[in-house]
Amino acid sequence: MKYIVLVVFLCLAAVALVSAVPVDETLQGDNIYSESDVHNPHDPQAIFKLKKIKKLLLG
């Protein structure tokens, strides 16, 4: 029982430490959403891009 409480405490402490770290959003090279990755509903080619992604992921 003592080990279960210790494991739960360590997990909660890890979650608290990770959530307390400030996020630096000023990095220039860390843009995960480039222009080609963002879905534009007015783009006529967007449906083909989505079909390609679906085909790659699902085989």
Protein backbone atom coordinates (compact mmCIF):
# COMPACT_ATOMS: atom_id res chain seq x y z
CA MET A 1 0.00 0.00 0.00
CA LYS A 2 2.89 2.33 0.81
CA TYR A 3 4.37 1.84 -2.68
CA ILE A 4 1.09 2.59 -4.43
CA VAL A 5 0.79 5.89 -2.58
CA LEU A 6 4.42 6.69 -3.43
CA VAL A 7 3.87 5.96 -7.14
CA VAL A 8 0.70 8.09 -7.23
CA PHE A 9 2.52 10.93 -5.49
CA LEU A 10 5.45 10.75 -7.92
CA CYS A 11 3.10 10.77 -10.93
CA LEU A 12 1.23 13.78 -9.58
CA ALA A 13 4.51 15.55 -8.87
CA ALA A 14 5.73 14.85 -12.42
CA VAL A 15 2.49 16.22 -13.90
CA ALA A 16 2.73 19.32 -11.71
CA LEU A 17 6.33 19.96 -12.74
CA VAL A 18 5.63 19.53 -16.44
CA SER A 19 2.60 21.81 -16.35
CA ALA A 20 4.53 24.46 -14.40
CA VAL A 21 7.21 24.86 -17.08
CA PRO A 22 6.53 28.04 -19.09
CA VAL A 23 6.06 27.58 -22.82
CA ASP A 24 8.28 29.76 -24.97
CA GLU A 25 6.25 30.52 -28.09
CA THR A 26 8.77 32.96 -29.52
CA LEU A 27 10.92 30.32 -31.23
CA GLN A 28 11.13 31.10 -34.93
CA GLY A 29 12.06 27.66 -36.23
CA ASP A 30 9.49 25.75 -34.22
CA ASN A 31 6.39 26.38 -36.34
CA ILE A 32 4.59 23.04 -36.52
CA TYR A 33 1.78 24.49 -38.64
CA SER A 34 3.32 25.59 -41.89
CA GLU A 35 1.22 27.10 -44.68
CA SER A 36 0.77 23.75 -46.44
CA ASP A 37 -0.39 21.93 -43.30
CA VAL A 38 -3.27 24.25 -42.40
CA HIS A 39 -6.61 23.18 -43.86
CA ASN A 40 -8.20 25.95 -45.93
CA PRO A 41 -11.88 25.20 -46.69
CA HIS A 42 -11.83 27.57 -49.69
CA ASP A 43 -8.93 25.73 -51.36
CA PRO A 44 -10.25 23.51 -54.20
CA GLN A 45 -7.18 21.25 -53.91
CA ALA A 46 -7.64 20.70 -50.17
CA ILE A 47 -9.84 17.63 -50.61
CA PHE A 48 -7.13 15.95 -52.67
CA LYS A 49 -4.54 16.73 -49.98
CA LEU A 50 -6.80 15.21 -47.34
CA LYS A 51 -7.36 12.12 -49.50
CA LYS A 52 -3.59 11.71 -49.92
CA ILE A 53 -3.05 11.96 -46.18
CA LYS A 54 -5.86 9.47 -45.52
CA LYS A 55 -4.42 7.07 -48.10
CA LEU A 56 -0.94 7.33 -46.55
CA LEU A 57 -2.20 6.79 -43.02
CA LEU A 58 -4.71 4.04 -43.68
CA GLY A 59 -2.92 2.33 -46.54
